[in-house]
Amino acid sequence: MNLLLIGIFALAAYLIGAIPTALWVGKAYFGIDIREHGSGNSGATNTFRVLGKKPGSIVMLVDIFKGWVATSLAAFLIILHAIPVEYLVPVQLAFGFIAVLGHVFPVYAGFRGGKGVATLLGMVLAIHPEAALVCLGIFVIVLLTTKYVSLGSMLAAMVFPLLMLLPWFRPEHSAKLLTGFGIVVFILIVVTHRKNIRRLMQGNESKANIRF
């Protein structure tokens, strides 16, 4: 393996993930620092809540794309013969996690970012697009029916490891790895959304500002 190339691509994954989409959209088009409003997070959820459907959708799509691009860098390491083919999925997972960390702790924005759910979805899209699309569909349905982004995120994360148990979604060579990944991700999302869970149970969770 070429450790130098792996390190360079890992750094690139972080820098891509660290692009503070919500912060830049808020400042460029609304003249506000999104971190000073709503939940204080610089992510798609808070953008939906504070700025509305269009800015929230733009931020979410860009953040998804960040995760997809960063994770897909692993394929170039195969092309450059820097890693063997059987290492593709583990390296994809590593780069995807690095991109999510970049989103949560962005170097461009004082290491104050969002929760990384959209970037995580982009990561899953690069690794297992079929399962990712099912999770995205669940997220959208929950968001449109309840307007709770946090609830949609948690339910979508819960579904992914369950899909890995189904034969038509279960990958041939990386099923255990992706199932374990899905369980860990679900636990992390629940932990990072514990305040949202409390507000949902109390009935005072903020709804996304989605107008039709």
C-alpha atoms as a PDB file:
ATOM      1  CA  MET A   1       0.000   0.000   0.000  1.00  0.00           C
ATOM      2  CA  ASN A   2       1.094   3.565  -0.694  1.00  0.00           C
ATOM      3  CA  LEU A   3       0.686   5.245   2.694  1.00  0.00           C
ATOM      4  CA  LEU A   4       1.671   8.680   1.358  1.00  0.00           C
ATOM      5  CA  LEU A   5      -1.110   8.682  -1.232  1.00  0.00           C
ATOM      6  CA  ILE A   6      -3.598   7.337   1.304  1.00  0.00           C
ATOM      7  CA  GLY A   7      -2.658  10.177   3.673  1.00  0.00           C
ATOM      8  CA  ILE A   8      -3.004  12.818   0.946  1.00  0.00           C
ATOM      9  CA  PHE A   9      -6.422  11.503  -0.079  1.00  0.00           C
ATOM     10  CA  ALA A  10      -7.517  11.289   3.559  1.00  0.00           C
ATOM     11  CA  LEU A  11      -6.608  14.962   4.008  1.00  0.00           C
ATOM     12  CA  ALA A  12      -8.545  15.791   0.842  1.00  0.00           C
ATOM     13  CA  ALA A  13     -11.563  13.919   2.242  1.00  0.00           C
ATOM     14  CA  TYR A  14     -11.422  16.030   5.394  1.00  0.00           C
ATOM     15  CA  LEU A  15     -11.085  19.319   3.489  1.00  0.00           C
ATOM     16  CA  ILE A  16     -14.050  18.399   1.265  1.00  0.00           C
ATOM     17  CA  GLY A  17     -16.176  17.407   4.233  1.00  0.00           C
ATOM     18  CA  ALA A  18     -15.199  20.577   6.096  1.00  0.00           C
ATOM     19  CA  ILE A  19     -16.770  22.912   3.513  1.00  0.00           C
ATOM     20  CA  PRO A  20     -19.295  24.830   5.700  1.00  0.00           C
ATOM     21  CA  THR A  21     -22.178  24.949   3.237  1.00  0.00           C
ATOM     22  CA  ALA A  22     -24.830  26.216   5.655  1.00  0.00           C
ATOM     23  CA  LEU A  23     -22.554  28.930   7.029  1.00  0.00           C
ATOM     24  CA  TRP A  24     -21.594  30.198   3.567  1.00  0.00           C
ATOM     25  CA  VAL A  25     -25.177  30.107   2.236  1.00  0.00           C
ATOM     26  CA  GLY A  26     -26.450  31.942   5.305  1.00  0.00           C
ATOM     27  CA  LYS A  27     -23.813  34.662   5.049  1.00  0.00           C
ATOM     28  CA  ALA A  28     -23.880  35.035   1.254  1.00  0.00           C
ATOM     29  CA  TYR A  29     -27.657  35.191   0.735  1.00  0.00           C
ATOM     30  CA  PHE A  30     -29.127  36.178   4.108  1.00  0.00           C
ATOM     31  CA  GLY A  31     -26.288  38.027   5.825  1.00  0.00           C
ATOM     32  CA  ILE A  32     -26.463  35.857   8.947  1.00  0.00           C
ATOM     33  CA  ASP A  33     -24.295  33.343  10.729  1.00  0.00           C
ATOM     34  CA  ILE A  34     -26.559  30.288  10.879  1.00  0.00           C
ATOM     35  CA  ARG A  35     -24.753  29.200  14.061  1.00  0.00           C
ATOM     36  CA  GLU A  36     -26.250  32.179  15.898  1.00  0.00           C
ATOM     37  CA  HIS A  37     -29.827  31.077  15.181  1.00  0.00           C
ATOM     38  CA  GLY A  38     -32.026  28.077  15.853  1.00  0.00           C
ATOM     39  CA  SER A  39     -30.107  25.141  17.286  1.00  0.00           C
ATOM     40  CA  GLY A  40     -26.750  26.803  16.625  1.00  0.00           C
ATOM     41  CA  ASN A  41     -25.599  24.021  14.299  1.00  0.00           C
ATOM     42  CA  SER A  42     -24.153  24.702  10.867  1.00  0.00           C
ATOM     43  CA  GLY A  43     -26.006  22.045   8.927  1.00  0.00           C
ATOM     44  CA  ALA A  44     -29.018  21.261   6.768  1.00  0.00           C
ATOM     45  CA  THR A  45     -31.354  20.693   9.731  1.00  0.00           C
ATOM     46  CA  ASN A  46     -30.843  24.150  11.179  1.00  0.00           C
ATOM     47  CA  THR A  47     -30.925  25.711   7.707  1.00  0.00           C
ATOM     48  CA  PHE A  48     -34.359  24.185   7.054  1.00  0.00           C
ATOM     49  CA  ARG A  49     -35.520  25.425  10.436  1.00  0.00           C
ATOM     50  CA  VAL A  50     -34.171  28.983  10.160  1.00  0.00           C
ATOM     51  CA  LEU A  51     -34.028  29.814   6.449  1.00  0.00           C
ATOM     52  CA  GLY A  52     -36.696  27.597   4.910  1.00  0.00           C
ATOM     53  CA  LYS A  53     -37.167  24.939   2.258  1.00  0.00           C
ATOM     54  CA  LYS A  54     -35.039  26.243  -0.634  1.00  0.00           C
ATOM     55  CA  PRO A  55     -31.853  27.137   1.297  1.00  0.00           C
ATOM     56  CA  GLY A  56     -32.254  23.978   3.397  1.00  0.00           C
ATOM     57  CA  SER A  57     -32.568  21.820   0.282  1.00  0.00           C
ATOM     58  CA  ILE A  58     -29.489  23.422  -1.291  1.00  0.00           C
ATOM     59  CA  VAL A  59     -27.410  22.905   1.845  1.00  0.00           C
ATOM     60  CA  MET A  60     -28.608  19.326   2.220  1.00  0.00           C
ATOM     61  CA  LEU A  61     -27.794  18.438  -1.400  1.00  0.00           C
ATOM     62  CA  VAL A  62     -24.331  20.009  -1.250  1.00  0.00           C
ATOM     63  CA  ASP A  63     -23.580  18.300   2.061  1.00  0.00           C
ATOM     64  CA  ILE A  64     -24.682  14.961   0.593  1.00  0.00           C
ATOM     65  CA  PHE A  65     -22.449  15.593  -2.419  1.00  0.00           C
ATOM     66  CA  LYS A  66     -19.499  16.338  -0.100  1.00  0.00           C
ATOM     67  CA  GLY A  67     -19.835  12.943   1.523  1.00  0.00           C
ATOM     68  CA  TRP A  68     -20.204  11.176  -1.825  1.00  0.00           C
ATOM     69  CA  VAL A  69     -17.133  12.850  -3.341  1.00  0.00           C
ATOM     70  CA  ALA A  70     -14.919  12.299  -0.293  1.00  0.00           C
ATOM     71  CA  THR A  71     -15.896   8.636  -0.040  1.00  0.00           C
ATOM     72  CA  SER A  72     -15.444   8.084  -3.777  1.00  0.00           C
ATOM     73  CA  LEU A  73     -11.804   9.178  -3.522  1.00  0.00           C
ATOM     74  CA  ALA A  74     -11.069   5.607  -2.423  1.00  0.00           C
ATOM     75  CA  ALA A  75     -11.725   4.399  -5.971  1.00  0.00           C
ATOM     76  CA  PHE A  76      -8.825   6.543  -7.241  1.00  0.00           C
ATOM     77  CA  LEU A  77      -6.505   4.707  -4.871  1.00  0.00           C
ATOM     78  CA  ILE A  78      -7.491   1.489  -6.640  1.00  0.00           C
ATOM     79  CA  ILE A  79      -6.782   3.073 -10.024  1.00  0.00           C
ATOM     80  CA  LEU A  80      -3.404   4.307  -8.778  1.00  0.00           C
ATOM     81  CA  HIS A  81      -2.634   0.870  -7.304  1.00  0.00           C
ATOM     82  CA  ALA A  82      -2.194   2.451  -3.870  1.00  0.00           C
ATOM     83  CA  ILE A  83      -4.485  -0.116  -2.179  1.00  0.00           C
ATOM     84  CA  PRO A  84      -5.650  -3.626  -3.153  1.00  0.00           C
ATOM     85  CA  VAL A  85      -9.222  -4.043  -4.404  1.00  0.00           C
ATOM     86  CA  GLU A  86     -10.333  -5.911  -1.281  1.00  0.00           C
ATOM     87  CA  TYR A  87      -9.548  -2.793   0.783  1.00  0.00           C
ATOM     88  CA  LEU A  88     -11.990  -0.600  -1.161  1.00  0.00           C
ATOM     89  CA  VAL A  89     -14.956  -0.702   1.248  1.00  0.00           C
ATOM     90  CA  PRO A  90     -12.863  -0.249   4.438  1.00  0.00           C
ATOM     91  CA  VAL A  91     -11.075   2.736   2.873  1.00  0.00           C
ATOM     92  CA  GLN A  92     -14.394   4.151   1.657  1.00  0.00           C
ATOM     93  CA  LEU A  93     -15.715   3.924   5.215  1.00  0.00           C
ATOM     94  CA  ALA A  94     -12.568   5.581   6.558  1.00  0.00           C
ATOM     95  CA  PHE A  95     -12.707   8.458   4.061  1.00  0.00           C
ATOM     96  CA  GLY A  96     -16.437   8.890   4.640  1.00  0.00           C
ATOM     97  CA  PHE A  97     -15.969   9.117   8.399  1.00  0.00           C
ATOM     98  CA  ILE A  98     -13.147  11.604   7.889  1.00  0.00           C
ATOM     99  CA  ALA A  99     -15.466  13.734   5.727  1.00  0.00           C
ATOM    100  CA  VAL A 100     -18.174  13.596   8.414  1.00  0.00           C
ATOM    101  CA  LEU A 101     -15.602  14.670  11.002  1.00  0.00           C
ATOM    102  CA  GLY A 102     -14.688  17.524   8.664  1.00  0.00           C
ATOM    103  CA  HIS A 103     -18.333  18.592   8.554  1.00  0.00           C
ATOM    104  CA  VAL A 104     -18.654  18.432  12.340  1.00  0.00           C
ATOM    105  CA  PHE A 105     -15.279  20.133  12.958  1.00  0.00           C
ATOM    106  CA  PRO A 106     -14.642  22.327   9.866  1.00  0.00           C
ATOM    107  CA  VAL A 107     -11.243  23.995   9.680  1.00  0.00           C
ATOM    108  CA  TYR A 108     -12.777  26.802   7.583  1.00  0.00           C
ATOM    109  CA  ALA A 109     -15.258  27.770  10.315  1.00  0.00           C
ATOM    110  CA  GLY A 110     -13.447  27.589  13.629  1.00  0.00           C
ATOM    111  CA  PHE A 111     -14.221  23.857  13.979  1.00  0.00           C
ATOM    112  CA  ARG A 112     -17.908  24.619  14.637  1.00  0.00           C
ATOM    113  CA  GLY A 113     -20.044  22.671  12.201  1.00  0.00           C
ATOM    114  CA  GLY A 114     -23.167  20.547  11.976  1.00  0.00           C
ATOM    115  CA  LYS A 115     -24.071  17.007  12.971  1.00  0.00           C
ATOM    116  CA  GLY A 116     -23.008  15.439   9.669  1.00  0.00           C
ATOM    117  CA  VAL A 117     -26.165  13.493   8.798  1.00  0.00           C
ATOM    118  CA  ALA A 118     -26.380  14.718   5.185  1.00  0.00           C
ATOM    119  CA  THR A 119     -22.665  14.138   4.643  1.00  0.00           C
ATOM    120  CA  LEU A 120     -23.101  10.669   6.108  1.00  0.00           C
ATOM    121  CA  LEU A 121     -25.893  10.005   3.600  1.00  0.00           C
ATOM    122  CA  GLY A 122     -23.535  10.974   0.779  1.00  0.00           C
ATOM    123  CA  MET A 123     -21.000   8.529   2.173  1.00  0.00           C
ATOM    124  CA  VAL A 124     -23.583   5.721   2.119  1.00  0.00           C
ATOM    125  CA  LEU A 125     -24.642   6.688  -1.404  1.00  0.00           C
ATOM    126  CA  ALA A 126     -21.078   6.097  -2.569  1.00  0.00           C
ATOM    127  CA  ILE A 127     -20.813   2.724  -0.821  1.00  0.00           C
ATOM    128  CA  HIS A 128     -24.321   1.249  -1.139  1.00  0.00           C
ATOM    129  CA  PRO A 129     -26.546   3.491  -3.309  1.00  0.00           C
ATOM    130  CA  GLU A 130     -29.615   1.224  -3.199  1.00  0.00           C
ATOM    131  CA  ALA A 131     -29.785   1.190   0.598  1.00  0.00           C
ATOM    132  CA  ALA A 132     -28.974   4.899   0.719  1.00  0.00           C
ATOM    133  CA  LEU A 133     -31.911   5.724  -1.575  1.00  0.00           C
ATOM    134  CA  VAL A 134     -34.284   3.755   0.654  1.00  0.00           C
ATOM    135  CA  CYS A 135     -32.989   5.632   3.705  1.00  0.00           C
ATOM    136  CA  LEU A 136     -33.308   8.935   1.851  1.00  0.00           C
ATOM    137  CA  GLY A 137     -36.896   8.082   0.895  1.00  0.00           C
ATOM    138  CA  ILE A 138     -37.741   7.383   4.540  1.00  0.00           C
ATOM    139  CA  PHE A 139     -36.113  10.646   5.600  1.00  0.00           C
ATOM    140  CA  VAL A 140     -38.076  12.655   3.022  1.00  0.00           C
ATOM    141  CA  ILE A 141     -41.393  11.004   3.910  1.00  0.00           C
ATOM    142  CA  VAL A 142     -40.894  11.651   7.630  1.00  0.00           C
ATOM    143  CA  LEU A 143     -39.740  15.223   6.956  1.00  0.00           C
ATOM    144  CA  LEU A 144     -42.723  16.056   4.738  1.00  0.00           C
ATOM    145  CA  THR A 145     -45.282  14.450   7.060  1.00  0.00           C
ATOM    146  CA  THR A 146     -43.938  15.609  10.432  1.00  0.00           C
ATOM    147  CA  LYS A 147     -41.497  18.429   9.523  1.00  0.00           C
ATOM    148  CA  TYR A 148     -39.086  16.966  12.088  1.00  0.00           C
ATOM    149  CA  VAL A 149     -35.657  16.683  10.481  1.00  0.00           C
ATOM    150  CA  SER A 150     -34.207  15.033  13.578  1.00  0.00           C
ATOM    151  CA  LEU A 151     -36.844  12.283  13.583  1.00  0.00           C
ATOM    152  CA  GLY A 152     -36.326  11.626   9.880  1.00  0.00           C
ATOM    153  CA  SER A 153     -32.560  11.406  10.370  1.00  0.00           C
ATOM    154  CA  MET A 154     -32.824   8.904  13.228  1.00  0.00           C
ATOM    155  CA  LEU A 155     -35.367   6.683  11.481  1.00  0.00           C
ATOM    156  CA  ALA A 156     -33.345   6.648   8.275  1.00  0.00           C
ATOM    157  CA  ALA A 157     -30.218   5.700  10.219  1.00  0.00           C
ATOM    158  CA  MET A 158     -32.101   2.923  12.012  1.00  0.00           C
ATOM    159  CA  VAL A 159     -33.250   1.377   8.731  1.00  0.00           C
ATOM    160  CA  PHE A 160     -29.776   1.016   7.151  1.00  0.00           C
ATOM    161  CA  PRO A 161     -28.422  -1.855   9.304  1.00  0.00           C
ATOM    162  CA  LEU A 162     -31.816  -3.582   9.008  1.00  0.00           C
ATOM    163  CA  LEU A 163     -31.541  -3.443   5.212  1.00  0.00           C
ATOM    164  CA  MET A 164     -28.173  -5.207   5.426  1.00  0.00           C
ATOM    165  CA  LEU A 165     -30.030  -8.229   6.825  1.00  0.00           C
ATOM    166  CA  LEU A 166     -32.182  -8.552   3.702  1.00  0.00           C
ATOM    167  CA  PRO A 167     -30.785 -10.777   0.916  1.00  0.00           C
ATOM    168  CA  TRP A 168     -31.484  -8.292  -1.898  1.00  0.00           C
ATOM    169  CA  PHE A 169     -29.563  -5.531  -0.080  1.00  0.00           C
ATOM    170  CA  ARG A 170     -26.912  -7.626   1.644  1.00  0.00           C
ATOM    171  CA  PRO A 171     -23.519  -7.149  -0.121  1.00  0.00           C
ATOM    172  CA  GLU A 172     -21.610 -10.315  -0.852  1.00  0.00           C
ATOM    173  CA  HIS A 173     -18.214  -9.506   0.651  1.00  0.00           C
ATOM    174  CA  SER A 174     -18.793  -6.673   3.120  1.00  0.00           C
ATOM    175  CA  ALA A 175     -22.135  -7.452   4.780  1.00  0.00           C
ATOM    176  CA  LYS A 176     -20.791  -7.785   8.332  1.00  0.00           C
ATOM    177  CA  LEU A 177     -18.654  -4.664   7.990  1.00  0.00           C
ATOM    178  CA  LEU A 178     -21.539  -2.543   6.688  1.00  0.00           C
ATOM    179  CA  THR A 179     -23.975  -3.946   9.249  1.00  0.00           C
ATOM    180  CA  GLY A 180     -21.571  -3.051  12.047  1.00  0.00           C
ATOM    181  CA  PHE A 181     -21.045   0.358  10.460  1.00  0.00           C
ATOM    182  CA  GLY A 182     -24.804   0.930  10.326  1.00  0.00           C
ATOM    183  CA  ILE A 183     -25.281   0.010  13.979  1.00  0.00           C
ATOM    184  CA  VAL A 184     -22.456   2.309  15.087  1.00  0.00           C
ATOM    185  CA  VAL A 185     -23.817   5.172  12.981  1.00  0.00           C
ATOM    186  CA  PHE A 186     -27.319   4.738  14.379  1.00  0.00           C
ATOM    187  CA  ILE A 187     -25.974   4.837  17.943  1.00  0.00           C
ATOM    188  CA  LEU A 188     -23.906   7.951  17.180  1.00  0.00           C
ATOM    189  CA  ILE A 189     -26.889   9.735  15.608  1.00  0.00           C
ATOM    190  CA  VAL A 190     -29.072   8.914  18.591  1.00  0.00           C
ATOM    191  CA  VAL A 191     -26.363  10.207  20.952  1.00  0.00           C
ATOM    192  CA  THR A 192     -25.884  13.441  18.985  1.00  0.00           C
ATOM    193  CA  HIS A 193     -29.663  13.929  18.812  1.00  0.00           C
ATOM    194  CA  ARG A 194     -30.377  13.235  22.484  1.00  0.00           C
ATOM    195  CA  LYS A 195     -31.565  16.819  23.037  1.00  0.00           C
ATOM    196  CA  ASN A 196     -33.853  16.483  20.021  1.00  0.00           C
ATOM    197  CA  ILE A 197     -35.225  13.206  21.424  1.00  0.00           C
ATOM    198  CA  ARG A 198     -35.971  14.929  24.708  1.00  0.00           C
ATOM    199  CA  ARG A 199     -37.770  17.763  22.913  1.00  0.00           C
ATOM    200  CA  LEU A 200     -39.713  15.284  20.753  1.00  0.00           C
ATOM    201  CA  MET A 201     -40.887  13.453  23.859  1.00  0.00           C
ATOM    202  CA  GLN A 202     -41.880  16.755  25.459  1.00  0.00           C
ATOM    203  CA  GLY A 203     -43.647  17.886  22.288  1.00  0.00           C
ATOM    204  CA  ASN A 204     -41.612  21.056  21.796  1.00  0.00           C
ATOM    205  CA  GLU A 205     -39.126  20.026  19.087  1.00  0.00           C
ATOM    206  CA  SER A 206     -38.771  22.761  16.459  1.00  0.00           C
ATOM    207  CA  LYS A 207     -40.223  21.925  13.052  1.00  0.00           C
ATOM    208  CA  ALA A 208     -38.457  22.602   9.772  1.00  0.00           C
ATOM    209  CA  ASN A 209     -39.573  25.745   8.010  1.00  0.00           C
ATOM    210  CA  ILE A 210     -41.014  24.043   4.895  1.00  0.00           C
ATOM    211  CA  ARG A 211     -43.587  25.985   2.919  1.00  0.00           C
ATOM    212  CA  PHE A 212     -45.561  24.622  -0.028  1.00  0.00           C
END
